């Protein structure tokens, strides 16, 4: 139901925009987020956005470099990543909460799908 795309191999300092297309159900009333998992590491939170797009939250490691956004009309979530660093390399996943769940540090994300691989060379 959620398919991330847009990953690839880039050099440090480059930019990428990831997309997450939702199908099968509408997520316009869901809080949505991006998570990533590097080899040998646990999955970690990257960024989240409220259903209206009015509230966002970022991990400290990406603040000022990444921007999360959404287009509810297209049922699509985005992550603009600037000034990529080798430590940003990971598989990136998008997730969604149940409809009506607000954005908090404890938001439970129950929908997710295939991730997209981001590789950053130094």
PDB file of N, CA and C in Angstrom:
ATOM      1  N   UNK A   1       0.810  -1.205   0.000  1.00  0.00           N
ATOM      2  CA  UNK A   1       0.000   0.000   0.000  1.00  0.00           C
ATOM      3  C   UNK A   1       0.846   1.258   0.000  1.00  0.00           C
ATOM      4  N   UNK A   2       2.090   1.149   0.459  1.00  0.00           N
ATOM      5  CA  UNK A   2       2.997   2.273   0.425  1.00  0.00           C
ATOM      6  C   UNK A   2       4.258   1.843  -0.303  1.00  0.00           C
ATOM      7  N   UNK A   3       4.637   2.594  -1.320  1.00  0.00           N
ATOM      8  CA  UNK A   3       5.806   2.257  -2.115  1.00  0.00           C
ATOM      9  C   UNK A   3       6.734   3.442  -2.191  1.00  0.00           C
ATOM     10  N   UNK A   4       7.912   3.289  -1.602  1.00  0.00           N
ATOM     11  CA  UNK A   4       8.908   4.351  -1.651  1.00  0.00           C
ATOM     12  C   UNK A   4       9.740   4.222  -2.923  1.00  0.00           C
ATOM     13  N   UNK A   5      10.175   5.342  -3.455  1.00  0.00           N
ATOM     14  CA  UNK A   5      11.017   5.352  -4.644  1.00  0.00           C
ATOM     15  C   UNK A   5      11.892   6.595  -4.622  1.00  0.00           C
ATOM     16  N   UNK A   6      12.844   6.642  -5.541  1.00  0.00           N
ATOM     17  CA  UNK A   6      13.694   7.822  -5.661  1.00  0.00           C
ATOM     18  C   UNK A   6      15.092   7.664  -5.113  1.00  0.00           C
ATOM     19  N   UNK A   7      15.380   6.519  -4.516  1.00  0.00           N
ATOM     20  CA  UNK A   7      16.710   6.296  -3.988  1.00  0.00           C
ATOM     21  C   UNK A   7      17.731   6.117  -5.098  1.00  0.00           C
ATOM     22  N   UNK A   8      18.984   6.078  -4.701  1.00  0.00           N
ATOM     23  CA  UNK A   8      20.042   5.885  -5.684  1.00  0.00           C
ATOM     24  C   UNK A   8      21.398   6.096  -5.064  1.00  0.00           C
ATOM     25  N   UNK A   9      22.399   6.088  -5.917  1.00  0.00           N
ATOM     26  CA  UNK A   9      23.779   6.305  -5.489  1.00  0.00           C
ATOM     27  C   UNK A   9      24.166   7.747  -5.801  1.00  0.00           C
ATOM     28  N   UNK A  10      24.578   8.472  -4.772  1.00  0.00           N
ATOM     29  CA  UNK A  10      24.986   9.861  -4.958  1.00  0.00           C
ATOM     30  C   UNK A  10      26.281  10.107  -4.189  1.00  0.00           C
ATOM     31  N   UNK A  11      26.924  11.203  -4.519  1.00  0.00           N
ATOM     32  CA  UNK A  11      28.117  11.603  -3.786  1.00  0.00           C
ATOM     33  C   UNK A  11      27.734  12.439  -2.568  1.00  0.00           C
ATOM     34  N   UNK A  12      28.592  12.453  -1.603  1.00  0.00           N
ATOM     35  CA  UNK A  12      28.362  13.292  -0.436  1.00  0.00           C
ATOM     36  C   UNK A  12      28.161  14.738  -0.878  1.00  0.00           C
ATOM     37  N   UNK A  13      27.192  15.395  -0.265  1.00  0.00           N
ATOM     38  CA  UNK A  13      26.876  16.769  -0.609  1.00  0.00           C
ATOM     39  C   UNK A  13      25.758  16.908  -1.632  1.00  0.00           C
ATOM     40  N   UNK A  14      25.403  15.821  -2.262  1.00  0.00           N
ATOM     41  CA  UNK A  14      24.350  15.854  -3.273  1.00  0.00           C
ATOM     42  C   UNK A  14      22.964  15.854  -2.632  1.00  0.00           C
ATOM     43  N   UNK A  15      21.957  15.947  -3.488  1.00  0.00           N
ATOM     44  CA  UNK A  15      20.566  15.961  -3.033  1.00  0.00           C
ATOM     45  C   UNK A  15      19.773  14.852  -3.719  1.00  0.00           C
ATOM     46  N   UNK A  16      18.745  14.406  -3.033  1.00  0.00           N
ATOM     47  CA  UNK A  16      17.800  13.427  -3.577  1.00  0.00           C
ATOM     48  C   UNK A  16      16.424  13.755  -3.041  1.00  0.00           C
ATOM     49  N   UNK A  17      15.415  13.419  -3.815  1.00  0.00           N
ATOM     50  CA  UNK A  17      14.045  13.521  -3.330  1.00  0.00           C
ATOM     51  C   UNK A  17      13.399  12.153  -3.396  1.00  0.00           C
ATOM     52  N   UNK A  18      12.957  11.668  -2.269  1.00  0.00           N
ATOM     53  CA  UNK A  18      12.248  10.399  -2.205  1.00  0.00           C
ATOM     54  C   UNK A  18      10.749  10.660  -2.292  1.00  0.00           C
ATOM     55  N   UNK A  19      10.060   9.702  -2.882  1.00  0.00           N
ATOM     56  CA  UNK A  19       8.605   9.770  -2.966  1.00  0.00           C
ATOM     57  C   UNK A  19       8.022   8.507  -2.367  1.00  0.00           C
ATOM     58  N   UNK A  20       6.827   8.629  -1.850  1.00  0.00           N
ATOM     59  CA  UNK A  20       6.105   7.474  -1.315  1.00  0.00           C
ATOM     60  C   UNK A  20       4.689   7.548  -1.848  1.00  0.00           C
ATOM     61  N   UNK A  21       4.361   6.615  -2.709  1.00  0.00           N
ATOM     62  CA  UNK A  21       3.034   6.590  -3.304  1.00  0.00           C
ATOM     63  C   UNK A  21       2.157   5.616  -2.541  1.00  0.00           C
ATOM     64  N   UNK A  22       0.991   6.076  -2.185  1.00  0.00           N
ATOM     65  CA  UNK A  22       0.040   5.250  -1.455  1.00  0.00           C
ATOM     66  C   UNK A  22      -1.016   4.734  -2.420  1.00  0.00           C
ATOM     67  N   UNK A  23      -1.383   3.496  -2.248  1.00  0.00           N
ATOM     68  CA  UNK A  23      -2.421   2.910  -3.095  1.00  0.00           C
ATOM     69  C   UNK A  23      -3.295   2.003  -2.246  1.00  0.00           C
ATOM     70  N   UNK A  24      -4.483   1.802  -2.713  1.00  0.00           N
ATOM     71  CA  UNK A  24      -5.375   0.902  -2.006  1.00  0.00           C
ATOM     72  C   UNK A  24      -6.201   1.568  -0.937  1.00  0.00           C
ATOM     73  N   UNK A  25      -5.710   2.639  -0.393  1.00  0.00           N
ATOM     74  CA  UNK A  25      -6.464   3.407   0.582  1.00  0.00           C
ATOM     75  C   UNK A  25      -5.918   4.825   0.582  1.00  0.00           C
ATOM     76  N   UNK A  26      -6.695   5.757   1.061  1.00  0.00           N
ATOM     77  CA  UNK A  26      -6.266   7.137   1.143  1.00  0.00           C
ATOM     78  C   UNK A  26      -5.635   7.390   2.503  1.00  0.00           C
ATOM     79  N   UNK A  27      -4.535   8.099   2.503  1.00  0.00           N
ATOM     80  CA  UNK A  27      -3.848   8.416   3.750  1.00  0.00           C
ATOM     81  C   UNK A  27      -3.922   9.906   4.064  1.00  0.00           C
ATOM     82  N   UNK A  28      -4.881  10.577   3.465  1.00  0.00           N
ATOM     83  CA  UNK A  28      -4.969  12.025   3.640  1.00  0.00           C
ATOM     84  C   UNK A  28      -5.246  12.440   5.085  1.00  0.00           C
ATOM     85  N   UNK A  29      -5.775  11.538   5.900  1.00  0.00           N
ATOM     86  CA  UNK A  29      -6.031  11.862   7.301  1.00  0.00           C
ATOM     87  C   UNK A  29      -5.049  11.157   8.246  1.00  0.00           C
ATOM     88  N   UNK A  30      -3.979  10.609   7.672  1.00  0.00           N
ATOM     89  CA  UNK A  30      -2.985   9.901   8.482  1.00  0.00           C
ATOM     90  C   UNK A  30      -1.735  10.738   8.690  1.00  0.00           C
ATOM     91  N   UNK A  31      -1.144  10.638   9.855  1.00  0.00           N
ATOM     92  CA  UNK A  31       0.214  11.126  10.055  1.00  0.00           C
ATOM     93  C   UNK A  31       1.139  10.195   9.285  1.00  0.00           C
ATOM     94  N   UNK A  32       2.106  10.755   8.599  1.00  0.00           N
ATOM     95  CA  UNK A  32       3.019   9.929   7.818  1.00  0.00           C
ATOM     96  C   UNK A  32       4.459  10.253   8.181  1.00  0.00           C
ATOM     97  N   UNK A  33       5.314   9.281   8.000  1.00  0.00           N
ATOM     98  CA  UNK A  33       6.702   9.488   8.384  1.00  0.00           C
ATOM     99  C   UNK A  33       7.668   8.720   7.511  1.00  0.00           C
ATOM    100  N   UNK A  34       8.913   9.136   7.585  1.00  0.00           N
ATOM    101  CA  UNK A  34      10.019   8.443   6.937  1.00  0.00           C
ATOM    102  C   UNK A  34      10.913   7.844   8.019  1.00  0.00           C
ATOM    103  N   UNK A  35      11.319   6.623   7.771  1.00  0.00           N
ATOM    104  CA  UNK A  35      12.243   5.929   8.651  1.00  0.00           C
ATOM    105  C   UNK A  35      13.361   5.360   7.781  1.00  0.00           C
ATOM    106  N   UNK A  36      14.485   5.024   8.401  1.00  0.00           N
ATOM    107  CA  UNK A  36      15.568   4.437   7.629  1.00  0.00           C
ATOM    108  C   UNK A  36      16.265   3.363   8.440  1.00  0.00           C
ATOM    109  N   UNK A  37      16.879   2.462   7.718  1.00  0.00           N
ATOM    110  CA  UNK A  37      17.621   1.390   8.377  1.00  0.00           C
ATOM    111  C   UNK A  37      18.903   1.127   7.603  1.00  0.00           C
ATOM    112  N   UNK A  38      20.002   1.343   8.280  1.00  0.00           N
ATOM    113  CA  UNK A  38      21.311   1.066   7.703  1.00  0.00           C
ATOM    114  C   UNK A  38      21.711  -0.364   8.051  1.00  0.00           C
ATOM    115  N   UNK A  39      22.600  -0.948   7.263  1.00  0.00           N
ATOM    116  CA  UNK A  39      23.040  -2.320   7.541  1.00  0.00           C
ATOM    117  C   UNK A  39      23.580  -2.468   8.957  1.00  0.00           C
ATOM    118  N   UNK A  40      23.073  -3.463   9.665  1.00  0.00           N
ATOM    119  CA  UNK A  40      23.547  -3.720  11.008  1.00  0.00           C
ATOM    120  C   UNK A  40      23.003  -2.797  12.072  1.00  0.00           C
ATOM    121  N   UNK A  41      22.106  -1.903  11.682  1.00  0.00           N
ATOM    122  CA  UNK A  41      21.552  -0.950  12.650  1.00  0.00           C
ATOM    123  C   UNK A  41      20.040  -1.104  12.735  1.00  0.00           C
ATOM    124  N   UNK A  42      19.486  -0.589  13.816  1.00  0.00           N
ATOM    125  CA  UNK A  42      18.037  -0.622  13.963  1.00  0.00           C
ATOM    126  C   UNK A  42      17.389   0.461  13.105  1.00  0.00           C
ATOM    127  N   UNK A  43      16.131   0.211  12.781  1.00  0.00           N
ATOM    128  CA  UNK A  43      15.391   1.217  12.032  1.00  0.00           C
ATOM    129  C   UNK A  43      15.224   2.454  12.900  1.00  0.00           C
ATOM    130  N   UNK A  44      15.406   3.625  12.296  1.00  0.00           N
ATOM    131  CA  UNK A  44      15.312   4.862  13.066  1.00  0.00           C
ATOM    132  C   UNK A  44      14.386   5.860  12.395  1.00  0.00           C
ATOM    133  N   UNK A  45      13.828   6.691  13.209  1.00  0.00           N
ATOM    134  CA  UNK A  45      12.941   7.760  12.748  1.00  0.00           C
ATOM    135  C   UNK A  45      13.750   8.825  12.026  1.00  0.00           C
ATOM    136  N   UNK A  46      13.188   9.330  10.928  1.00  0.00           N
ATOM    137  CA  UNK A  46      13.836  10.406  10.176  1.00  0.00           C
ATOM    138  C   UNK A  46      13.003  11.687  10.233  1.00  0.00           C
ATOM    139  N   UNK A  47      11.737  11.576   9.847  1.00  0.00           N
ATOM    140  CA  UNK A  47      10.876  12.753   9.800  1.00  0.00           C
ATOM    141  C   UNK A  47       9.421  12.317   9.765  1.00  0.00           C
ATOM    142  N   UNK A  48       8.544  13.217  10.191  1.00  0.00           N
ATOM    143  CA  UNK A  48       7.119  12.935  10.159  1.00  0.00           C
ATOM    144  C   UNK A  48       6.362  14.210   9.852  1.00  0.00           C
ATOM    145  N   UNK A  49       5.138  14.025   9.367  1.00  0.00           N
ATOM    146  CA  UNK A  49       4.305  15.165   8.994  1.00  0.00           C
ATOM    147  C   UNK A  49       2.860  14.857   9.341  1.00  0.00           C
ATOM    148  N   UNK A  50       2.168  15.863   9.854  1.00  0.00           N
ATOM    149  CA  UNK A  50       0.767  15.687  10.192  1.00  0.00           C
ATOM    150  C   UNK A  50      -0.066  15.559   8.928  1.00  0.00           C
ATOM    151  N   UNK A  51      -1.317  15.142   9.105  1.00  0.00           N
ATOM    152  CA  UNK A  51      -2.144  14.898   7.931  1.00  0.00           C
ATOM    153  C   UNK A  51      -2.359  16.171   7.121  1.00  0.00           C
ATOM    154  N   UNK A  52      -2.405  17.316   7.788  1.00  0.00           N
ATOM    155  CA  UNK A  52      -2.628  18.575   7.078  1.00  0.00           C
ATOM    156  C   UNK A  52      -1.343  19.137   6.486  1.00  0.00           C
ATOM    157  N   UNK A  53      -0.216  18.620   6.940  1.00  0.00           N
ATOM    158  CA  UNK A  53       1.069  19.170   6.510  1.00  0.00           C
ATOM    159  C   UNK A  53       1.515  20.340   7.340  1.00  0.00           C
ATOM    160  N   UNK A  54       0.716  20.730   8.312  1.00  0.00           N
ATOM    161  CA  UNK A  54       1.022  21.908   9.097  1.00  0.00           C
ATOM    162  C   UNK A  54       2.052  21.698  10.181  1.00  0.00           C
ATOM    163  N   UNK A  55       2.271  20.454  10.566  1.00  0.00           N
ATOM    164  CA  UNK A  55       3.236  20.135  11.627  1.00  0.00           C
ATOM    165  C   UNK A  55       4.217  19.102  11.118  1.00  0.00           C
ATOM    166  N   UNK A  56       5.495  19.355  11.358  1.00  0.00           N
ATOM    167  CA  UNK A  56       6.529  18.406  10.966  1.00  0.00           C
ATOM    168  C   UNK A  56       7.465  18.150  12.142  1.00  0.00           C
ATOM    169  N   UNK A  57       8.154  17.041  12.054  1.00  0.00           N
ATOM    170  CA  UNK A  57       9.116  16.671  13.088  1.00  0.00           C
ATOM    171  C   UNK A  57      10.296  15.992  12.418  1.00  0.00           C
ATOM    172  N   UNK A  58      11.500  16.278  12.929  1.00  0.00           N
ATOM    173  CA  UNK A  58      12.704  15.718  12.317  1.00  0.00           C
ATOM    174  C   UNK A  58      13.639  15.146  13.383  1.00  0.00           C
ATOM    175  N   UNK A  59      14.367  14.134  12.987  1.00  0.00           N
ATOM    176  CA  UNK A  59      15.457  13.657  13.823  1.00  0.00           C
ATOM    177  C   UNK A  59      16.550  14.731  13.838  1.00  0.00           C
ATOM    178  N   UNK A  60      17.242  14.850  14.952  1.00  0.00           N
ATOM    179  CA  UNK A  60      18.284  15.873  15.054  1.00  0.00           C
ATOM    180  C   UNK A  60      19.333  15.728  13.954  1.00  0.00           C
ATOM    181  N   UNK A  61      19.593  14.500  13.557  1.00  0.00           N
ATOM    182  CA  UNK A  61      20.654  14.246  12.582  1.00  0.00           C
ATOM    183  C   UNK A  61      20.337  14.779  11.187  1.00  0.00           C
ATOM    184  N   UNK A  62      19.066  15.075  10.911  1.00  0.00           N
ATOM    185  CA  UNK A  62      18.699  15.538   9.562  1.00  0.00           C
ATOM    186  C   UNK A  62      18.103  16.942   9.558  1.00  0.00           C
ATOM    187  N   UNK A  63      17.910  17.525  10.732  1.00  0.00           N
ATOM    188  CA  UNK A  63      17.334  18.871  10.794  1.00  0.00           C
ATOM    189  C   UNK A  63      18.166  19.852   9.994  1.00  0.00           C
ATOM    190  N   UNK A  64      17.480  20.669   9.210  1.00  0.00           N
ATOM    191  CA  UNK A  64      18.154  21.665   8.399  1.00  0.00           C
ATOM    192  C   UNK A  64      18.622  21.141   7.054  1.00  0.00           C
ATOM    193  N   UNK A  65      18.610  19.823   6.880  1.00  0.00           N
ATOM    194  CA  UNK A  65      19.043  19.233   5.609  1.00  0.00           C
ATOM    195  C   UNK A  65      17.902  18.535   4.870  1.00  0.00           C
ATOM    196  N   UNK A  66      16.985  17.929   5.618  1.00  0.00           N
ATOM    197  CA  UNK A  66      15.877  17.185   5.017  1.00  0.00           C
ATOM    198  C   UNK A  66      14.582  17.971   5.204  1.00  0.00           C
ATOM    199  N   UNK A  67      13.684  17.816   4.230  1.00  0.00           N
ATOM    200  CA  UNK A  67      12.364  18.434   4.308  1.00  0.00           C
ATOM    201  C   UNK A  67      11.310  17.415   3.918  1.00  0.00           C
ATOM    202  N   UNK A  68      10.359  17.202   4.810  1.00  0.00           N
ATOM    203  CA  UNK A  68       9.253  16.294   4.514  1.00  0.00           C
ATOM    204  C   UNK A  68       8.056  17.111   4.050  1.00  0.00           C
ATOM    205  N   UNK A  69       7.345  16.588   3.084  1.00  0.00           N
ATOM    206  CA  UNK A  69       6.146  17.264   2.587  1.00  0.00           C
ATOM    207  C   UNK A  69       5.186  16.210   2.054  1.00  0.00           C
ATOM    208  N   UNK A  70       3.971  16.642   1.762  1.00  0.00           N
ATOM    209  CA  UNK A  70       2.991  15.704   1.251  1.00  0.00           C
ATOM    210  C   UNK A  70       2.030  16.411   0.305  1.00  0.00           C
ATOM    211  N   UNK A  71       1.452  15.629  -0.583  1.00  0.00           N
ATOM    212  CA  UNK A  71       0.426  16.118  -1.494  1.00  0.00           C
ATOM    213  C   UNK A  71      -0.745  15.159  -1.342  1.00  0.00           C
ATOM    214  N   UNK A  72      -1.717  15.550  -0.544  1.00  0.00           N
ATOM    215  CA  UNK A  72      -2.836  14.649  -0.266  1.00  0.00           C
ATOM    216  C   UNK A  72      -3.679  14.383  -1.507  1.00  0.00           C
ATOM    217  N   UNK A  73      -3.728  15.318  -2.408  1.00  0.00           N
ATOM    218  CA  UNK A  73      -4.497  15.106  -3.640  1.00  0.00           C
ATOM    219  C   UNK A  73      -3.883  13.981  -4.474  1.00  0.00           C
ATOM    220  N   UNK A  74      -2.567  13.840  -4.375  1.00  0.00           N
ATOM    221  CA  UNK A  74      -1.868  12.791  -5.118  1.00  0.00           C
ATOM    222  C   UNK A  74      -1.582  11.571  -4.239  1.00  0.00           C
ATOM    223  N   UNK A  75      -1.977  11.648  -2.968  1.00  0.00           N
ATOM    224  CA  UNK A  75      -1.734  10.535  -2.044  1.00  0.00           C
ATOM    225  C   UNK A  75      -0.247  10.173  -2.014  1.00  0.00           C
ATOM    226  N   UNK A  76       0.582  11.206  -1.964  1.00  0.00           N
ATOM    227  CA  UNK A  76       2.031  11.015  -2.067  1.00  0.00           C
ATOM    228  C   UNK A  76       2.758  11.799  -0.979  1.00  0.00           C
ATOM    229  N   UNK A  77       3.769  11.154  -0.426  1.00  0.00           N
ATOM    230  CA  UNK A  77       4.640  11.735   0.589  1.00  0.00           C
ATOM    231  C   UNK A  77       6.017  11.931  -0.028  1.00  0.00           C
ATOM    232  N   UNK A  78       6.706  12.991   0.384  1.00  0.00           N
ATOM    233  CA  UNK A  78       8.028  13.288  -0.166  1.00  0.00           C
ATOM    234  C   UNK A  78       9.045  13.502   0.948  1.00  0.00           C
ATOM    235  N   UNK A  79      10.311  13.289   0.594  1.00  0.00           N
ATOM    236  CA  UNK A  79      11.407  13.641   1.487  1.00  0.00           C
ATOM    237  C   UNK A  79      12.517  14.225   0.634  1.00  0.00           C
ATOM    238  N   UNK A  80      12.724  15.512   0.769  1.00  0.00           N
ATOM    239  CA  UNK A  80      13.810  16.179   0.073  1.00  0.00           C
ATOM    240  C   UNK A  80      15.038  16.112   0.975  1.00  0.00           C
ATOM    241  N   UNK A  81      16.105  15.540   0.441  1.00  0.00           N
ATOM    242  CA  UNK A  81      17.324  15.362   1.215  1.00  0.00           C
ATOM    243  C   UNK A  81      18.451  16.155   0.565  1.00  0.00           C
ATOM    244  N   UNK A  82      18.943  17.137   1.277  1.00  0.00           N
ATOM    245  CA  UNK A  82      20.058  17.964   0.800  1.00  0.00           C
ATOM    246  C   UNK A  82      21.324  17.665   1.590  1.00  0.00           C
ATOM    247  N   UNK A  83      22.459  17.994   0.992  1.00  0.00           N
ATOM    248  CA  UNK A  83      23.750  17.840   1.667  1.00  0.00           C
ATOM    249  C   UNK A  83      23.880  16.443   2.278  1.00  0.00           C
ATOM    250  N   UNK A  84      23.662  15.440   1.460  1.00  0.00           N
ATOM    251  CA  UNK A  84      23.706  14.065   1.956  1.00  0.00           C
ATOM    252  C   UNK A  84      25.099  13.691   2.450  1.00  0.00           C
ATOM    253  N   UNK A  85      25.119  12.919   3.514  1.00  0.00           N
ATOM    254  CA  UNK A  85      26.356  12.469   4.143  1.00  0.00           C
ATOM    255  C   UNK A  85      26.424  10.944   4.064  1.00  0.00           C
ATOM    256  N   UNK A  86      27.606  10.380   4.135  1.00  0.00           N
ATOM    257  CA  UNK A  86      27.716   8.915   4.095  1.00  0.00           C
ATOM    258  C   UNK A  86      26.866   8.240   5.175  1.00  0.00           C
ATOM    259  N   UNK A  87      26.708   8.897   6.305  1.00  0.00           N
ATOM    260  CA  UNK A  87      25.905   8.296   7.384  1.00  0.00           C
ATOM    261  C   UNK A  87      24.408   8.321   7.099  1.00  0.00           C
ATOM    262  N   UNK A  88      24.001   8.985   6.030  1.00  0.00           N
ATOM    263  CA  UNK A  88      22.587   8.962   5.622  1.00  0.00           C
ATOM    264  C   UNK A  88      22.255   7.724   4.792  1.00  0.00           C
ATOM    265  N   UNK A  89      23.263   6.989   4.394  1.00  0.00           N
ATOM    266  CA  UNK A  89      23.037   5.799   3.572  1.00  0.00           C
ATOM    267  C   UNK A  89      22.220   4.769   4.334  1.00  0.00           C
ATOM    268  N   UNK A  90      21.145   4.311   3.708  1.00  0.00           N
ATOM    269  CA  UNK A  90      20.230   3.373   4.360  1.00  0.00           C
ATOM    270  C   UNK A  90      19.113   3.027   3.394  1.00  0.00           C
ATOM    271  N   UNK A  91      18.293   2.080   3.803  1.00  0.00           N
ATOM    272  CA  UNK A  91      17.023   1.854   3.122  1.00  0.00           C
ATOM    273  C   UNK A  91      15.987   2.742   3.800  1.00  0.00           C
ATOM    274  N   UNK A  92      15.320   3.541   3.020  1.00  0.00           N
ATOM    275  CA  UNK A  92      14.334   4.481   3.541  1.00  0.00           C
ATOM    276  C   UNK A  92      12.932   3.925   3.317  1.00  0.00           C
ATOM    277  N   UNK A  93      12.131   3.978   4.374  1.00  0.00           N
ATOM    278  CA  UNK A  93      10.762   3.483   4.344  1.00  0.00           C
ATOM    279  C   UNK A  93       9.800   4.610   4.699  1.00  0.00           C
ATOM    280  N   UNK A  94       8.631   4.583   4.087  1.00  0.00           N
ATOM    281  CA  UNK A  94       7.587   5.496   4.510  1.00  0.00           C
ATOM    282  C   UNK A  94       6.553   4.691   5.292  1.00  0.00           C
ATOM    283  N   UNK A  95       5.967   5.354   6.263  1.00  0.00           N
ATOM    284  CA  UNK A  95       4.978   4.709   7.097  1.00  0.00           C
ATOM    285  C   UNK A  95       3.811   5.658   7.315  1.00  0.00           C
ATOM    286  N   UNK A  96       2.662   5.082   7.663  1.00  0.00           N
ATOM    287  CA  UNK A  96       1.477   5.892   7.904  1.00  0.00           C
ATOM    288  C   UNK A  96       0.760   5.396   9.152  1.00  0.00           C
ATOM    289  N   UNK A  97       0.156   6.329   9.826  1.00  0.00           N
ATOM    290  CA  UNK A  97      -0.645   5.967  10.994  1.00  0.00           C
ATOM    291  C   UNK A  97      -2.072   5.653  10.557  1.00  0.00           C
ATOM    292  N   UNK A  98      -2.874   5.195  11.492  1.00  0.00           N
ATOM    293  CA  UNK A  98      -4.290   5.068  11.210  1.00  0.00           C
ATOM    294  C   UNK A  98      -4.860   6.477  11.020  1.00  0.00           C
ATOM    295  N   UNK A  99      -5.933   6.605  10.265  1.00  0.00           N
ATOM    296  CA  UNK A  99      -6.533   7.924  10.066  1.00  0.00           C
ATOM    297  C   UNK A  99      -6.911   8.563  11.396  1.00  0.00           C
ATOM    298  N   UNK A 100      -6.650   9.846  11.490  1.00  0.00           N
ATOM    299  CA  UNK A 100      -7.039  10.582  12.675  1.00  0.00           C
ATOM    300  C   UNK A 100      -5.998  10.647  13.766  1.00  0.00           C
ATOM    301  N   UNK A 101      -4.915   9.873  13.645  1.00  0.00           N
ATOM    302  CA  UNK A 101      -3.882   9.899  14.671  1.00  0.00           C
ATOM    303  C   UNK A 101      -3.034  11.152  14.486  1.00  0.00           C
ATOM    304  N   UNK A 102      -2.829  11.890  15.570  1.00  0.00           N
ATOM    305  CA  UNK A 102      -2.065  13.117  15.455  1.00  0.00           C
ATOM    306  C   UNK A 102      -0.578  12.832  15.578  1.00  0.00           C
ATOM    307  N   UNK A 103       0.212  13.792  15.155  1.00  0.00           N
ATOM    308  CA  UNK A 103       1.661  13.648  15.189  1.00  0.00           C
ATOM    309  C   UNK A 103       2.193  13.909  16.589  1.00  0.00           C
ATOM    310  N   UNK A 104       2.757  12.888  17.191  1.00  0.00           N
ATOM    311  CA  UNK A 104       3.407  13.012  18.491  1.00  0.00           C
ATOM    312  C   UNK A 104       4.627  12.100  18.470  1.00  0.00           C
ATOM    313  N   UNK A 105       5.511  12.209  19.459  1.00  0.00           N
ATOM    314  CA  UNK A 105       6.651  11.272  19.495  1.00  0.00           C
ATOM    315  C   UNK A 105       6.212   9.816  19.652  1.00  0.00           C
ATOM    316  N   UNK A 106       4.977   9.597  20.064  1.00  0.00           N
ATOM    317  CA  UNK A 106       4.504   8.235  20.283  1.00  0.00           C
ATOM    318  C   UNK A 106       3.525   7.767  19.221  1.00  0.00           C
ATOM    319  N   UNK A 107       3.436   8.511  18.128  1.00  0.00           N
ATOM    320  CA  UNK A 107       2.527   8.109  17.051  1.00  0.00           C
ATOM    321  C   UNK A 107       2.861   6.693  16.600  1.00  0.00           C
ATOM    322  N   UNK A 108       1.841   5.871  16.496  1.00  0.00           N
ATOM    323  CA  UNK A 108       2.028   4.493  16.050  1.00  0.00           C
ATOM    324  C   UNK A 108       1.781   4.425  14.548  1.00  0.00           C
ATOM    325  N   UNK A 109       2.770   3.958  13.843  1.00  0.00           N
ATOM    326  CA  UNK A 109       2.655   3.806  12.394  1.00  0.00           C
ATOM    327  C   UNK A 109       2.345   2.349  12.081  1.00  0.00           C
ATOM    328  N   UNK A 110       1.248   2.116  11.419  1.00  0.00           N
ATOM    329  CA  UNK A 110       0.799   0.736  11.215  1.00  0.00           C
ATOM    330  C   UNK A 110       0.837   0.295   9.761  1.00  0.00           C
ATOM    331  N   UNK A 111       1.053   1.228   8.862  1.00  0.00           N
ATOM    332  CA  UNK A 111       1.136   0.890   7.440  1.00  0.00           C
ATOM    333  C   UNK A 111       2.539   1.231   6.934  1.00  0.00           C
ATOM    334  N   UNK A 112       3.135   0.322   6.229  1.00  0.00           N
ATOM    335  CA  UNK A 112       4.414   0.590   5.587  1.00  0.00           C
ATOM    336  C   UNK A 112       4.596  -0.374   4.442  1.00  0.00           C
ATOM    337  N   UNK A 113       5.564  -0.114   3.614  1.00  0.00           N
ATOM    338  CA  UNK A 113       5.774  -0.968   2.457  1.00  0.00           C
ATOM    339  C   UNK A 113       7.243  -1.121   2.139  1.00  0.00           C
ATOM    340  N   UNK A 114       7.525  -1.361   0.875  1.00  0.00           N
ATOM    341  CA  UNK A 114       8.896  -1.551   0.424  1.00  0.00           C
ATOM    342  C   UNK A 114       9.669  -0.248   0.524  1.00  0.00           C
ATOM    343  N   UNK A 115      10.905  -0.336   0.885  1.00  0.00           N
ATOM    344  CA  UNK A 115      11.750   0.834   1.003  1.00  0.00           C
ATOM    345  C   UNK A 115      12.529   1.109  -0.271  1.00  0.00           C
ATOM    346  N   UNK A 116      13.303   2.166  -0.230  1.00  0.00           N
ATOM    347  CA  UNK A 116      14.166   2.524  -1.345  1.00  0.00           C
ATOM    348  C   UNK A 116      15.573   2.772  -0.803  1.00  0.00           C
ATOM    349  N   UNK A 117      16.567   2.282  -1.533  1.00  0.00           N
ATOM    350  CA  UNK A 117      17.944   2.324  -1.047  1.00  0.00           C
ATOM    351  C   UNK A 117      18.628   3.626  -1.434  1.00  0.00           C
ATOM    352  N   UNK A 118      19.229   4.256  -0.454  1.00  0.00           N
ATOM    353  CA  UNK A 118      20.036   5.455  -0.674  1.00  0.00           C
ATOM    354  C   UNK A 118      21.471   5.119  -0.306  1.00  0.00           C
ATOM    355  N   UNK A 119      22.365   5.314  -1.250  1.00  0.00           N
ATOM    356  CA  UNK A 119      23.786   5.068  -1.029  1.00  0.00           C
ATOM    357  C   UNK A 119      24.532   6.375  -1.240  1.00  0.00           C
ATOM    358  N   UNK A 120      25.389   6.729  -0.292  1.00  0.00           N
ATOM    359  CA  UNK A 120      26.124   7.986  -0.376  1.00  0.00           C
ATOM    360  C   UNK A 120      27.615   7.690  -0.325  1.00  0.00           C
ATOM    361  N   UNK A 121      28.293   8.062  -1.386  1.00  0.00           N
ATOM    362  CA  UNK A 121      29.739   7.834  -1.433  1.00  0.00           C
ATOM    363  C   UNK A 121      30.475   9.069  -0.920  1.00  0.00           C
ATOM    364  N   UNK A 122      31.576   8.831  -0.248  1.00  0.00           N
ATOM    365  CA  UNK A 122      32.352   9.950   0.316  1.00  0.00           C
ATOM    366  C   UNK A 122      33.394  10.456  -0.661  1.00  0.00           C
TER     367      UNK A 122
END
